[in-house]
PDB file of N, CA and C in Angstrom:
ATOM      1  N   MET A   1     -57.702 -19.332 -58.179  1.00  0.00           N
ATOM      2  CA  MET A   1     -56.403 -18.786 -57.791  1.00  0.00           C
ATOM      3  C   MET A   1     -56.086 -17.662 -58.696  1.00  0.00           C
ATOM      4  N   ALA A   2     -55.615 -16.749 -58.522  1.00  0.00           N
ATOM      5  CA  ALA A   2     -55.538 -15.475 -59.526  1.00  0.00           C
ATOM      6  C   ALA A   2     -54.327 -16.057 -60.420  1.00  0.00           C
ATOM      7  N   GLU A   3     -54.109 -15.388 -61.752  1.00  0.00           N
ATOM      8  CA  GLU A   3     -52.951 -15.830 -62.639  1.00  0.00           C
ATOM      9  C   GLU A   3     -51.854 -14.832 -62.307  1.00  0.00           C
ATOM     10  N   PRO A   4     -50.418 -15.330 -62.261  1.00  0.00           N
ATOM     11  CA  PRO A   4     -49.490 -14.399 -61.779  1.00  0.00           C
ATOM     12  C   PRO A   4     -49.228 -13.138 -63.190  1.00  0.00           C
ATOM     13  N   VAL A   5     -48.861 -12.268 -62.955  1.00  0.00           N
ATOM     14  CA  VAL A   5     -48.643 -11.158 -63.970  1.00  0.00           C
ATOM     15  C   VAL A   5     -47.371 -11.728 -64.777  1.00  0.00           C
ATOM     16  N   GLU A   6     -47.650 -11.636 -65.858  1.00  0.00           N
ATOM     17  CA  GLU A   6     -46.294 -11.725 -66.962  1.00  0.00           C
ATOM     18  C   GLU A   6     -45.610 -10.512 -66.780  1.00  0.00           C
ATOM     19  N   PRO A   7     -44.126 -10.704 -66.863  1.00  0.00           N
ATOM     20  CA  PRO A   7     -43.409  -9.622 -66.801  1.00  0.00           C
ATOM     21  C   PRO A   7     -43.306  -8.900 -67.853  1.00  0.00           C
ATOM     22  N   ILE A   8     -42.885  -7.816 -67.815  1.00  0.00           N
ATOM     23  CA  ILE A   8     -42.753  -6.939 -68.990  1.00  0.00           C
ATOM     24  C   ILE A   8     -41.200  -6.753 -69.574  1.00  0.00           C
ATOM     25  N   ILE A   9     -40.924  -7.160 -70.602  1.00  0.00           N
ATOM     26  CA  ILE A   9     -39.438  -7.220 -70.952  1.00  0.00           C
ATOM     27  C   ILE A   9     -39.296  -6.360 -72.202  1.00  0.00           C
ATOM     28  N   LEU A  10     -38.244  -5.351 -72.004  1.00  0.00           N
ATOM     29  CA  LEU A  10     -38.176  -4.518 -73.112  1.00  0.00           C
ATOM     30  C   LEU A  10     -37.119  -5.181 -74.132  1.00  0.00           C
ATOM     31  N   PRO A  11     -37.268  -4.338 -75.305  1.00  0.00           N
ATOM     32  CA  PRO A  11     -36.329  -4.922 -76.313  1.00  0.00           C
ATOM     33  C   PRO A  11     -34.961  -4.852 -76.006  1.00  0.00           C
ATOM     34  N   PRO A  12     -33.891  -5.551 -76.342  1.00  0.00           N
ATOM     35  CA  PRO A  12     -32.912  -5.479 -75.970  1.00  0.00           C
ATOM     36  C   PRO A  12     -32.005  -4.066 -76.478  1.00  0.00           C
ATOM     37  N   ALA A  13     -31.270  -3.590 -75.379  1.00  0.00           N
ATOM     38  CA  ALA A  13     -30.983  -2.041 -75.858  1.00  0.00           C
ATOM     39  C   ALA A  13     -29.979  -2.047 -76.989  1.00  0.00           C
ATOM     40  N   GLU A  14     -30.202  -1.230 -77.803  1.00  0.00           N
ATOM     41  CA  GLU A  14     -29.287  -1.196 -79.159  1.00  0.00           C
ATOM     42  C   GLU A  14     -28.195   0.014 -78.749  1.00  0.00           C
ATOM     43  N   ASN A  15     -28.941   1.078 -78.048  1.00  0.00           N
ATOM     44  CA  ASN A  15     -28.229   2.211 -77.765  1.00  0.00           C
ATOM     45  C   ASN A  15     -28.667   2.921 -76.280  1.00  0.00           C
ATOM     46  N   PRO A  16     -27.974   2.441 -75.067  1.00  0.00           N
ATOM     47  CA  PRO A  16     -28.400   2.540 -73.991  1.00  0.00           C
ATOM     48  C   PRO A  16     -28.431   4.250 -73.990  1.00  0.00           C
ATOM     49  N   GLU A  17     -27.361   4.794 -74.076  1.00  0.00           N
ATOM     50  CA  GLU A  17     -27.194   5.952 -74.226  1.00  0.00           C
ATOM     51  C   GLU A  17     -28.086   6.861 -74.666  1.00  0.00           C
ATOM     52  N   GLN A  18     -28.855   6.537 -75.757  1.00  0.00           N
ATOM     53  CA  GLN A  18     -29.854   7.276 -76.382  1.00  0.00           C
ATOM     54  C   GLN A  18     -31.026   7.214 -75.567  1.00  0.00           C
ATOM     55  N   GLU A  19     -31.347   5.700 -75.399  1.00  0.00           N
ATOM     56  CA  GLU A  19     -32.447   5.559 -74.567  1.00  0.00           C
ATOM     57  C   GLU A  19     -32.371   6.377 -72.710  1.00  0.00           C
ATOM     58  N   GLY A  20     -31.084   6.525 -72.344  1.00  0.00           N
ATOM     59  CA  GLY A  20     -31.097   7.405 -71.200  1.00  0.00           C
ATOM     60  C   GLY A  20     -31.352   8.972 -71.399  1.00  0.00           C
ATOM     61  N   GLN A  21     -30.614   9.280 -72.658  1.00  0.00           N
ATOM     62  CA  GLN A  21     -31.284  10.616 -72.735  1.00  0.00           C
ATOM     63  C   GLN A  21     -32.591  10.944 -72.964  1.00  0.00           C
ATOM     64  N   TRP A  22     -33.408  10.142 -73.695  1.00  0.00           N
ATOM     65  CA  TRP A  22     -34.957  10.152 -73.774  1.00  0.00           C
ATOM     66  C   TRP A  22     -35.541  10.047 -72.416  1.00  0.00           C
ATOM     67  N   LEU A  23     -35.114   9.144 -71.678  1.00  0.00           N
ATOM     68  CA  LEU A  23     -35.561   8.891 -70.071  1.00  0.00           C
ATOM     69  C   LEU A  23     -35.414  10.076 -69.547  1.00  0.00           C
ATOM     70  N   ASN A  24     -34.056  10.650 -69.536  1.00  0.00           N
ATOM     71  CA  ASN A  24     -33.809  12.040 -68.689  1.00  0.00           C
ATOM     72  C   ASN A  24     -34.774  13.096 -69.094  1.00  0.00           C
ATOM     73  N   ALA A  25     -34.887  13.476 -70.333  1.00  0.00           N
ATOM     74  CA  ALA A  25     -35.448  14.558 -70.929  1.00  0.00           C
ATOM     75  C   ALA A  25     -37.171  14.142 -70.730  1.00  0.00           C
ATOM     76  N   SER A  26     -37.413  12.923 -70.704  1.00  0.00           N
ATOM     77  CA  SER A  26     -39.055  12.815 -70.482  1.00  0.00           C
ATOM     78  C   SER A  26     -39.239  12.684 -68.804  1.00  0.00           C
ATOM     79  N   LEU A  27     -38.398  12.159 -68.149  1.00  0.00           N
ATOM     80  CA  LEU A  27     -38.781  12.365 -66.849  1.00  0.00           C
ATOM     81  C   LEU A  27     -38.627  13.931 -66.266  1.00  0.00           C
ATOM     82  N   HIS A  28     -37.726  14.444 -66.909  1.00  0.00           N
ATOM     83  CA  HIS A  28     -37.753  16.114 -66.366  1.00  0.00           C
ATOM     84  C   HIS A  28     -38.695  16.797 -66.519  1.00  0.00           C
ATOM     85  N   ARG A  29     -39.243  16.501 -67.834  1.00  0.00           N
ATOM     86  CA  ARG A  29     -40.576  16.935 -68.334  1.00  0.00           C
ATOM     87  C   ARG A  29     -41.729  16.730 -67.369  1.00  0.00           C
ATOM     88  N   TRP A  30     -41.813  15.318 -67.181  1.00  0.00           N
ATOM     89  CA  TRP A  30     -42.962  14.880 -66.269  1.00  0.00           C
ATOM     90  C   TRP A  30     -42.672  15.674 -64.876  1.00  0.00           C
ATOM     91  N   LEU A  31     -41.668  15.526 -64.218  1.00  0.00           N
ATOM     92  CA  LEU A  31     -41.633  16.104 -63.004  1.00  0.00           C
ATOM     93  C   LEU A  31     -41.774  17.583 -63.340  1.00  0.00           C
ATOM     94  N   ASN A  32     -41.740  18.422 -64.114  1.00  0.00           N
ATOM     95  CA  ASN A  32     -41.814  19.768 -64.280  1.00  0.00           C
ATOM     96  C   ASN A  32     -43.452  20.109 -64.477  1.00  0.00           C
ATOM     97  N   THR A  33     -44.039  18.966 -64.709  1.00  0.00           N
ATOM     98  CA  THR A  33     -45.513  19.162 -65.011  1.00  0.00           C
ATOM     99  C   THR A  33     -46.180  18.741 -63.875  1.00  0.00           C
ATOM    100  N   GLU A  34     -46.205  17.805 -63.148  1.00  0.00           N
ATOM    101  CA  GLU A  34     -46.665  17.287 -62.178  1.00  0.00           C
ATOM    102  C   GLU A  34     -46.977  18.272 -60.583  1.00  0.00           C
ATOM    103  N   PHE A  35     -45.695  19.080 -60.444  1.00  0.00           N
ATOM    104  CA  PHE A  35     -45.853  20.223 -59.411  1.00  0.00           C
ATOM    105  C   PHE A  35     -45.004  21.429 -60.137  1.00  0.00           C
ATOM    106  N   PRO A  36     -45.075  22.422 -59.658  1.00  0.00           N
ATOM    107  CA  PRO A  36     -44.172  23.534 -59.915  1.00  0.00           C
ATOM    108  C   PRO A  36     -42.805  23.080 -60.274  1.00  0.00           C
ATOM    109  N   PRO A  37     -42.039  23.598 -61.170  1.00  0.00           N
ATOM    110  CA  PRO A  37     -40.821  23.222 -61.637  1.00  0.00           C
ATOM    111  C   PRO A  37     -39.875  23.414 -60.493  1.00  0.00           C
ATOM    112  N   GLU A  38     -38.771  22.653 -60.513  1.00  0.00           N
ATOM    113  CA  GLU A  38     -37.791  22.915 -59.080  1.00  0.00           C
ATOM    114  C   GLU A  38     -36.443  22.436 -59.722  1.00  0.00           C
ATOM    115  N   ALA A  39     -35.426  23.228 -59.538  1.00  0.00           N
ATOM    116  CA  ALA A  39     -34.004  23.203 -60.107  1.00  0.00           C
ATOM    117  C   ALA A  39     -33.685  21.549 -59.602  1.00  0.00           C
ATOM    118  N   VAL A  40     -34.078  21.150 -58.687  1.00  0.00           N
ATOM    119  CA  VAL A  40     -33.516  19.682 -58.428  1.00  0.00           C
ATOM    120  C   VAL A  40     -34.177  18.662 -59.588  1.00  0.00           C
ATOM    121  N   ASN A  41     -35.267  19.140 -60.054  1.00  0.00           N
ATOM    122  CA  ASN A  41     -35.675  18.030 -60.984  1.00  0.00           C
ATOM    123  C   ASN A  41     -34.741  17.766 -62.048  1.00  0.00           C
ATOM    124  N   ALA A  42     -33.891  18.345 -62.587  1.00  0.00           N
ATOM    125  CA  ALA A  42     -32.610  18.084 -63.379  1.00  0.00           C
ATOM    126  C   ALA A  42     -31.935  16.914 -63.067  1.00  0.00           C
ATOM    127  N   GLU A  43     -31.458  17.168 -61.545  1.00  0.00           N
ATOM    128  CA  GLU A  43     -30.569  16.159 -60.943  1.00  0.00           C
ATOM    129  C   GLU A  43     -31.400  14.946 -60.792  1.00  0.00           C
ATOM    130  N   ILE A  44     -32.690  14.923 -60.380  1.00  0.00           N
ATOM    131  CA  ILE A  44     -33.531  13.486 -60.135  1.00  0.00           C
ATOM    132  C   ILE A  44     -33.433  12.858 -61.486  1.00  0.00           C
ATOM    133  N   ALA A  45     -33.840  13.649 -62.447  1.00  0.00           N
ATOM    134  CA  ALA A  45     -34.157  12.832 -63.742  1.00  0.00           C
ATOM    135  C   ALA A  45     -32.625  12.386 -64.340  1.00  0.00           C
ATOM    136  N   GLU A  46     -31.749  13.259 -63.865  1.00  0.00           N
ATOM    137  CA  GLU A  46     -30.118  12.752 -64.760  1.00  0.00           C
ATOM    138  C   GLU A  46     -29.806  11.410 -63.665  1.00  0.00           C
ATOM    139  N   ARG A  47     -30.028  11.427 -62.603  1.00  0.00           N
ATOM    140  CA  ARG A  47     -29.404  10.216 -61.741  1.00  0.00           C
ATOM    141  C   ARG A  47     -30.607   9.248 -61.936  1.00  0.00           C
ATOM    142  N   ALA A  48     -31.819   9.305 -62.315  1.00  0.00           N
ATOM    143  CA  ALA A  48     -32.747   8.124 -62.589  1.00  0.00           C
ATOM    144  C   ALA A  48     -31.904   7.374 -64.207  1.00  0.00           C
ATOM    145  N   ALA A  49     -31.832   8.413 -64.964  1.00  0.00           N
ATOM    146  CA  ALA A  49     -31.286   7.891 -66.495  1.00  0.00           C
ATOM    147  C   ALA A  49     -30.156   7.333 -65.993  1.00  0.00           C
ATOM    148  N   GLN A  50     -29.073   7.625 -65.413  1.00  0.00           N
ATOM    149  CA  GLN A  50     -27.979   7.006 -65.210  1.00  0.00           C
ATOM    150  C   GLN A  50     -27.897   5.653 -64.636  1.00  0.00           C
ATOM    151  N   VAL A  51     -28.889   5.446 -63.658  1.00  0.00           N
ATOM    152  CA  VAL A  51     -29.176   4.152 -63.381  1.00  0.00           C
ATOM    153  C   VAL A  51     -29.666   3.308 -64.376  1.00  0.00           C
ATOM    154  N   PHE A  52     -30.605   3.807 -65.107  1.00  0.00           N
ATOM    155  CA  PHE A  52     -31.357   3.030 -65.900  1.00  0.00           C
ATOM    156  C   PHE A  52     -30.159   2.712 -67.137  1.00  0.00           C
ATOM    157  N   VAL A  53     -29.580   3.500 -67.719  1.00  0.00           N
ATOM    158  CA  VAL A  53     -28.292   3.134 -68.727  1.00  0.00           C
ATOM    159  C   VAL A  53     -27.461   2.288 -68.168  1.00  0.00           C
ATOM    160  N   ARG A  54     -27.014   2.331 -66.901  1.00  0.00           N
ATOM    161  CA  ARG A  54     -25.876   1.117 -66.612  1.00  0.00           C
ATOM    162  C   ARG A  54     -26.801  -0.008 -66.514  1.00  0.00           C
ATOM    163  N   GLN A  55     -27.941  -0.241 -65.923  1.00  0.00           N
ATOM    164  CA  GLN A  55     -28.410  -1.479 -66.040  1.00  0.00           C
ATOM    165  C   GLN A  55     -28.913  -1.838 -67.259  1.00  0.00           C
ATOM    166  N   ARG A  56     -29.168  -1.124 -68.141  1.00  0.00           N
ATOM    167  CA  ARG A  56     -29.347  -1.475 -69.697  1.00  0.00           C
ATOM    168  C   ARG A  56     -28.181  -1.994 -70.176  1.00  0.00           C
ATOM    169  N   MET A  57     -26.975  -1.514 -69.973  1.00  0.00           N
ATOM    170  CA  MET A  57     -25.726  -1.768 -70.454  1.00  0.00           C
ATOM    171  C   MET A  57     -25.280  -3.045 -69.738  1.00  0.00           C
ATOM    172  N   GLU A  58     -25.774  -3.553 -68.806  1.00  0.00           N
ATOM    173  CA  GLU A  58     -25.676  -4.597 -68.029  1.00  0.00           C
ATOM    174  C   GLU A  58     -26.296  -5.724 -68.549  1.00  0.00           C
ATOM    175  N   GLY A  59     -27.289  -5.649 -69.630  1.00  0.00           N
ATOM    176  CA  GLY A  59     -28.336  -6.413 -70.089  1.00  0.00           C
ATOM    177  C   GLY A  59     -29.458  -6.747 -69.555  1.00  0.00           C
ATOM    178  N   GLU A  60     -30.042  -5.586 -68.445  1.00  0.00           N
ATOM    179  CA  GLU A  60     -31.280  -5.831 -67.955  1.00  0.00           C
ATOM    180  C   GLU A  60     -32.251  -5.173 -68.842  1.00  0.00           C
ATOM    181  N   ASN A  61     -33.390  -6.263 -69.246  1.00  0.00           N
ATOM    182  CA  ASN A  61     -34.544  -5.846 -69.929  1.00  0.00           C
ATOM    183  C   ASN A  61     -35.975  -6.040 -69.352  1.00  0.00           C
ATOM    184  N   ASP A  62     -35.824  -6.648 -67.980  1.00  0.00           N
ATOM    185  CA  ASP A  62     -37.133  -6.693 -67.475  1.00  0.00           C
ATOM    186  C   ASP A  62     -37.407  -5.392 -66.642  1.00  0.00           C
ATOM    187  N   LEU A  63     -38.510  -4.892 -66.978  1.00  0.00           N
ATOM    188  CA  LEU A  63     -39.043  -3.614 -66.574  1.00  0.00           C
ATOM    189  C   LEU A  63     -39.177  -3.579 -64.881  1.00  0.00           C
ATOM    190  N   GLY A  64     -39.664  -4.537 -64.277  1.00  0.00           N
ATOM    191  CA  GLY A  64     -39.542  -4.786 -62.846  1.00  0.00           C
ATOM    192  C   GLY A  64     -38.305  -4.722 -62.288  1.00  0.00           C
ATOM    193  N   SER A  65     -37.552  -5.261 -62.968  1.00  0.00           N
ATOM    194  CA  SER A  65     -36.139  -5.167 -62.252  1.00  0.00           C
ATOM    195  C   SER A  65     -35.347  -3.503 -62.477  1.00  0.00           C
ATOM    196  N   LEU A  66     -35.607  -3.237 -63.706  1.00  0.00           N
ATOM    197  CA  LEU A  66     -35.249  -1.793 -63.880  1.00  0.00           C
ATOM    198  C   LEU A  66     -36.023  -0.866 -62.975  1.00  0.00           C
ATOM    199  N   VAL A  67     -37.025  -0.894 -62.557  1.00  0.00           N
ATOM    200  CA  VAL A  67     -37.797  -0.207 -61.711  1.00  0.00           C
ATOM    201  C   VAL A  67     -37.115  -0.243 -60.202  1.00  0.00           C
ATOM    202  N   LEU A  68     -37.082  -1.619 -59.899  1.00  0.00           N
ATOM    203  CA  LEU A  68     -36.594  -1.729 -58.316  1.00  0.00           C
ATOM    204  C   LEU A  68     -35.097  -1.387 -58.352  1.00  0.00           C
ATOM    205  N   ALA A  69     -34.287  -1.244 -59.212  1.00  0.00           N
ATOM    206  CA  ALA A  69     -32.783  -0.809 -59.615  1.00  0.00           C
ATOM    207  C   ALA A  69     -32.787   0.847 -59.176  1.00  0.00           C
ATOM    208  N   ILE A  70     -33.665   1.365 -59.836  1.00  0.00           N
ATOM    209  CA  ILE A  70     -33.917   2.744 -59.728  1.00  0.00           C
ATOM    210  C   ILE A  70     -34.368   3.083 -58.570  1.00  0.00           C
ATOM    211  N   LEU A  71     -35.510   2.624 -57.824  1.00  0.00           N
ATOM    212  CA  LEU A  71     -36.078   2.632 -56.743  1.00  0.00           C
ATOM    213  C   LEU A  71     -34.861   2.587 -55.611  1.00  0.00           C
ATOM    214  N   THR A  72     -34.140   1.310 -55.426  1.00  0.00           N
ATOM    215  CA  THR A  72     -33.074   1.079 -54.497  1.00  0.00           C
ATOM    216  C   THR A  72     -32.057   2.335 -54.740  1.00  0.00           C
ATOM    217  N   GLU A  73     -31.488   2.530 -56.054  1.00  0.00           N
ATOM    218  CA  GLU A  73     -30.411   3.419 -56.198  1.00  0.00           C
ATOM    219  C   GLU A  73     -30.925   4.963 -55.584  1.00  0.00           C
ATOM    220  N   MET A  74     -31.989   5.399 -56.028  1.00  0.00           N
ATOM    221  CA  MET A  74     -32.460   6.819 -55.566  1.00  0.00           C
ATOM    222  C   MET A  74     -32.919   6.778 -53.920  1.00  0.00           C
ATOM    223  N   GLN A  75     -32.817   5.756 -53.267  1.00  0.00           N
ATOM    224  CA  GLN A  75     -33.019   5.808 -51.840  1.00  0.00           C
ATOM    225  C   GLN A  75     -31.948   6.963 -51.353  1.00  0.00           C
ATOM    226  N   GLY A  76     -30.705   6.843 -51.960  1.00  0.00           N
ATOM    227  CA  GLY A  76     -29.527   7.562 -51.504  1.00  0.00           C
ATOM    228  C   GLY A  76     -29.726   8.948 -51.777  1.00  0.00           C
ATOM    229  N   PHE A  77     -30.722   9.328 -52.660  1.00  0.00           N
ATOM    230  CA  PHE A  77     -30.592  10.549 -53.369  1.00  0.00           C
ATOM    231  C   PHE A  77     -31.255  11.287 -52.415  1.00  0.00           C
ATOM    232  N   ASP A  78     -30.516  12.766 -52.133  1.00  0.00           N
ATOM    233  CA  ASP A  78     -31.408  13.608 -51.200  1.00  0.00           C
ATOM    234  C   ASP A  78     -32.659  14.523 -51.850  1.00  0.00           C
ATOM    235  N   PHE A  79     -33.622  13.942 -51.242  1.00  0.00           N
ATOM    236  CA  PHE A  79     -34.979  14.556 -52.059  1.00  0.00           C
ATOM    237  C   PHE A  79     -35.614  15.591 -50.790  1.00  0.00           C
ATOM    238  N   SER A  80     -34.881  16.346 -50.122  1.00  0.00           N
ATOM    239  CA  SER A  80     -35.249  17.243 -49.140  1.00  0.00           C
ATOM    240  C   SER A  80     -35.696  18.440 -49.966  1.00  0.00           C
ATOM    241  N   LYS A  81     -35.381  18.660 -50.915  1.00  0.00           N
ATOM    242  CA  LYS A  81     -35.409  19.935 -51.821  1.00  0.00           C
ATOM    243  C   LYS A  81     -36.590  19.664 -52.862  1.00  0.00           C
ATOM    244  N   SER A  82     -37.485  18.657 -52.715  1.00  0.00           N
ATOM    245  CA  SER A  82     -38.110  18.077 -54.014  1.00  0.00           C
ATOM    246  C   SER A  82     -39.631  17.876 -53.174  1.00  0.00           C
ATOM    247  N   PHE A  83     -40.672  17.701 -53.956  1.00  0.00           N
ATOM    248  CA  PHE A  83     -41.949  17.133 -53.900  1.00  0.00           C
ATOM    249  C   PHE A  83     -41.640  15.798 -53.898  1.00  0.00           C
ATOM    250  N   TYR A  84     -40.934  15.026 -54.540  1.00  0.00           N
ATOM    251  CA  TYR A  84     -40.820  13.610 -54.867  1.00  0.00           C
ATOM    252  C   TYR A  84     -39.952  13.021 -53.898  1.00  0.00           C
ATOM    253  N   GLY A  85     -40.001  11.390 -54.081  1.00  0.00           N
ATOM    254  CA  GLY A  85     -39.249  10.748 -53.243  1.00  0.00           C
ATOM    255  C   GLY A  85     -39.103   9.701 -54.374  1.00  0.00           C
ATOM    256  N   GLU A  86     -38.343   8.413 -53.765  1.00  0.00           N
ATOM    257  CA  GLU A  86     -37.666   7.515 -54.760  1.00  0.00           C
ATOM    258  C   GLU A  86     -38.770   6.832 -55.304  1.00  0.00           C
ATOM    259  N   PHE A  87     -39.840   6.274 -54.640  1.00  0.00           N
ATOM    260  CA  PHE A  87     -41.094   5.718 -55.049  1.00  0.00           C
ATOM    261  C   PHE A  87     -41.750   6.560 -56.338  1.00  0.00           C
ATOM    262  N   ALA A  88     -42.200   7.650 -56.129  1.00  0.00           N
ATOM    263  CA  ALA A  88     -42.476   8.202 -57.129  1.00  0.00           C
ATOM    264  C   ALA A  88     -41.857   8.417 -58.450  1.00  0.00           C
ATOM    265  N   ILE A  89     -40.419   8.385 -58.251  1.00  0.00           N
ATOM    266  CA  ILE A  89     -39.278   8.451 -59.563  1.00  0.00           C
ATOM    267  C   ILE A  89     -39.567   7.199 -59.964  1.00  0.00           C
ATOM    268  N   ALA A  90     -39.466   5.996 -59.343  1.00  0.00           N
ATOM    269  CA  ALA A  90     -39.351   4.755 -60.083  1.00  0.00           C
ATOM    270  C   ALA A  90     -40.907   4.337 -60.712  1.00  0.00           C
ATOM    271  N   ASN A  91     -41.980   4.862 -60.039  1.00  0.00           N
ATOM    272  CA  ASN A  91     -43.343   4.671 -60.676  1.00  0.00           C
ATOM    273  C   ASN A  91     -43.213   5.552 -61.885  1.00  0.00           C
ATOM    274  N   ALA A  92     -42.716   6.617 -61.911  1.00  0.00           N
ATOM    275  CA  ALA A  92     -42.980   7.686 -63.233  1.00  0.00           C
ATOM    276  C   ALA A  92     -41.965   6.794 -64.557  1.00  0.00           C
ATOM    277  N   VAL A  93     -40.786   6.509 -63.983  1.00  0.00           N
ATOM    278  CA  VAL A  93     -40.169   5.843 -64.994  1.00  0.00           C
ATOM    279  C   VAL A  93     -40.671   4.549 -65.643  1.00  0.00           C
ATOM    280  N   SER A  94     -41.561   3.723 -64.818  1.00  0.00           N
ATOM    281  CA  SER A  94     -42.246   2.841 -65.334  1.00  0.00           C
ATOM    282  C   SER A  94     -43.235   2.895 -66.056  1.00  0.00           C
ATOM    283  N   ASP A  95     -44.017   4.266 -65.465  1.00  0.00           N
ATOM    284  CA  ASP A  95     -45.370   4.573 -66.568  1.00  0.00           C
ATOM    285  C   ASP A  95     -44.818   5.382 -68.043  1.00  0.00           C
ATOM    286  N   LEU A  96     -43.421   5.892 -67.957  1.00  0.00           N
ATOM    287  CA  LEU A  96     -43.096   6.572 -69.286  1.00  0.00           C
ATOM    288  C   LEU A  96     -42.579   5.357 -70.108  1.00  0.00           C
ATOM    289  N   LEU A  97     -41.908   4.345 -69.462  1.00  0.00           N
ATOM    290  CA  LEU A  97     -41.359   3.315 -70.190  1.00  0.00           C
ATOM    291  C   LEU A  97     -42.739   2.406 -70.578  1.00  0.00           C
ATOM    292  N   LEU A  98     -43.521   2.214 -70.051  1.00  0.00           N
ATOM    293  CA  LEU A  98     -44.655   1.342 -70.730  1.00  0.00           C
ATOM    294  C   LEU A  98     -45.513   2.294 -71.447  1.00  0.00           C
ATOM    295  N   ASP A  99     -45.584   3.558 -71.222  1.00  0.00           N
ATOM    296  CA  ASP A  99     -46.492   4.588 -72.690  1.00  0.00           C
ATOM    297  C   ASP A  99     -45.460   4.327 -73.856  1.00  0.00           C
ATOM    298  N   SER A 100     -44.095   4.372 -73.743  1.00  0.00           N
ATOM    299  CA  SER A 100     -43.317   4.216 -74.979  1.00  0.00           C
ATOM    300  C   SER A 100     -43.457   2.822 -75.494  1.00  0.00           C
ATOM    301  N   LEU A 101     -43.828   1.735 -74.961  1.00  0.00           N
ATOM    302  CA  LEU A 101     -44.119   0.549 -75.529  1.00  0.00           C
ATOM    303  C   LEU A 101     -45.538   0.359 -76.043  1.00  0.00           C
ATOM    304  N   GLY A 102     -46.590   1.345 -75.580  1.00  0.00           N
ATOM    305  CA  GLY A 102     -47.919   1.520 -75.998  1.00  0.00           C
ATOM    306  C   GLY A 102     -48.538   0.533 -74.887  1.00  0.00           C
ATOM    307  N   ILE A 103     -48.092   0.350 -73.818  1.00  0.00           N
ATOM    308  CA  ILE A 103     -48.984  -0.541 -72.968  1.00  0.00           C
ATOM    309  C   ILE A 103     -49.932   0.484 -71.828  1.00  0.00           C
ATOM    310  N   ASP A 104     -50.772   0.189 -71.663  1.00  0.00           N
ATOM    311  CA  ASP A 104     -51.436   0.986 -70.558  1.00  0.00           C
ATOM    312  C   ASP A 104     -51.301   0.754 -69.369  1.00  0.00           C
ATOM    313  N   HIS A 105     -50.478   1.595 -68.714  1.00  0.00           N
ATOM    314  CA  HIS A 105     -49.948   1.552 -67.367  1.00  0.00           C
ATOM    315  C   HIS A 105     -51.408   1.513 -66.300  1.00  0.00           C
ATOM    316  N   CYS A 106     -52.456   1.955 -66.615  1.00  0.00           N
ATOM    317  CA  CYS A 106     -53.319   1.884 -65.800  1.00  0.00           C
ATOM    318  C   CYS A 106     -53.820   0.393 -65.228  1.00  0.00           C
ATOM    319  N   CYS A 107     -53.937  -0.254 -66.622  1.00  0.00           N
ATOM    320  CA  CYS A 107     -54.509  -1.436 -66.376  1.00  0.00           C
ATOM    321  C   CYS A 107     -53.506  -2.645 -66.926  1.00  0.00           C
ATOM    322  N   GLY A 108     -52.639  -2.426 -67.478  1.00  0.00           N
ATOM    323  CA  GLY A 108     -51.669  -3.372 -68.077  1.00  0.00           C
ATOM    324  C   GLY A 108     -52.177  -3.916 -69.594  1.00  0.00           C
ATOM    325  N   ALA A 109     -53.269  -3.403 -70.129  1.00  0.00           N
ATOM    326  CA  ALA A 109     -53.453  -3.708 -71.459  1.00  0.00           C
ATOM    327  C   ALA A 109     -52.955  -3.005 -72.677  1.00  0.00           C
ATOM    328  N   ASP A 110     -52.930  -3.431 -73.661  1.00  0.00           N
ATOM    329  CA  ASP A 110     -52.404  -2.668 -74.949  1.00  0.00           C
ATOM    330  C   ASP A 110     -53.243  -1.518 -75.113  1.00  0.00           C
ATOM    331  N   ALA A 111     -52.356  -0.437 -75.449  1.00  0.00           N
ATOM    332  CA  ALA A 111     -53.052   0.786 -75.356  1.00  0.00           C
ATOM    333  C   ALA A 111     -53.703   1.045 -76.876  1.00  0.00           C
ATOM    334  N   GLY A 112     -53.131   0.402 -77.737  1.00  0.00           N
ATOM    335  CA  GLY A 112     -53.595   0.542 -79.247  1.00  0.00           C
ATOM    336  C   GLY A 112     -54.518  -0.535 -79.619  1.00  0.00           C
TER     337      GLY A 112
END
């Protein structure tokens, strides 16, 4: 039987607003490089960062729970002017956070 995947826990938030600013800028940059830049990308990145900051301020450190919260809340966002959807955004946030922790998001192993 396969072993369960261990949860990835972020360090406790010392400055959630700063983390949110980093995520907003990183996600916006990622959105603009994957497809041609769109004006709505700034709104998408800002909304995802807001959800992330709120979750971190509430004490959420589990990456899976953070990604699910972003996915759930982004379902209410109007993606009609975007190449993206809520799943792409949640996955991108996960990849960006894993990169920041030095974890290979392809295979789940340490990058270093």
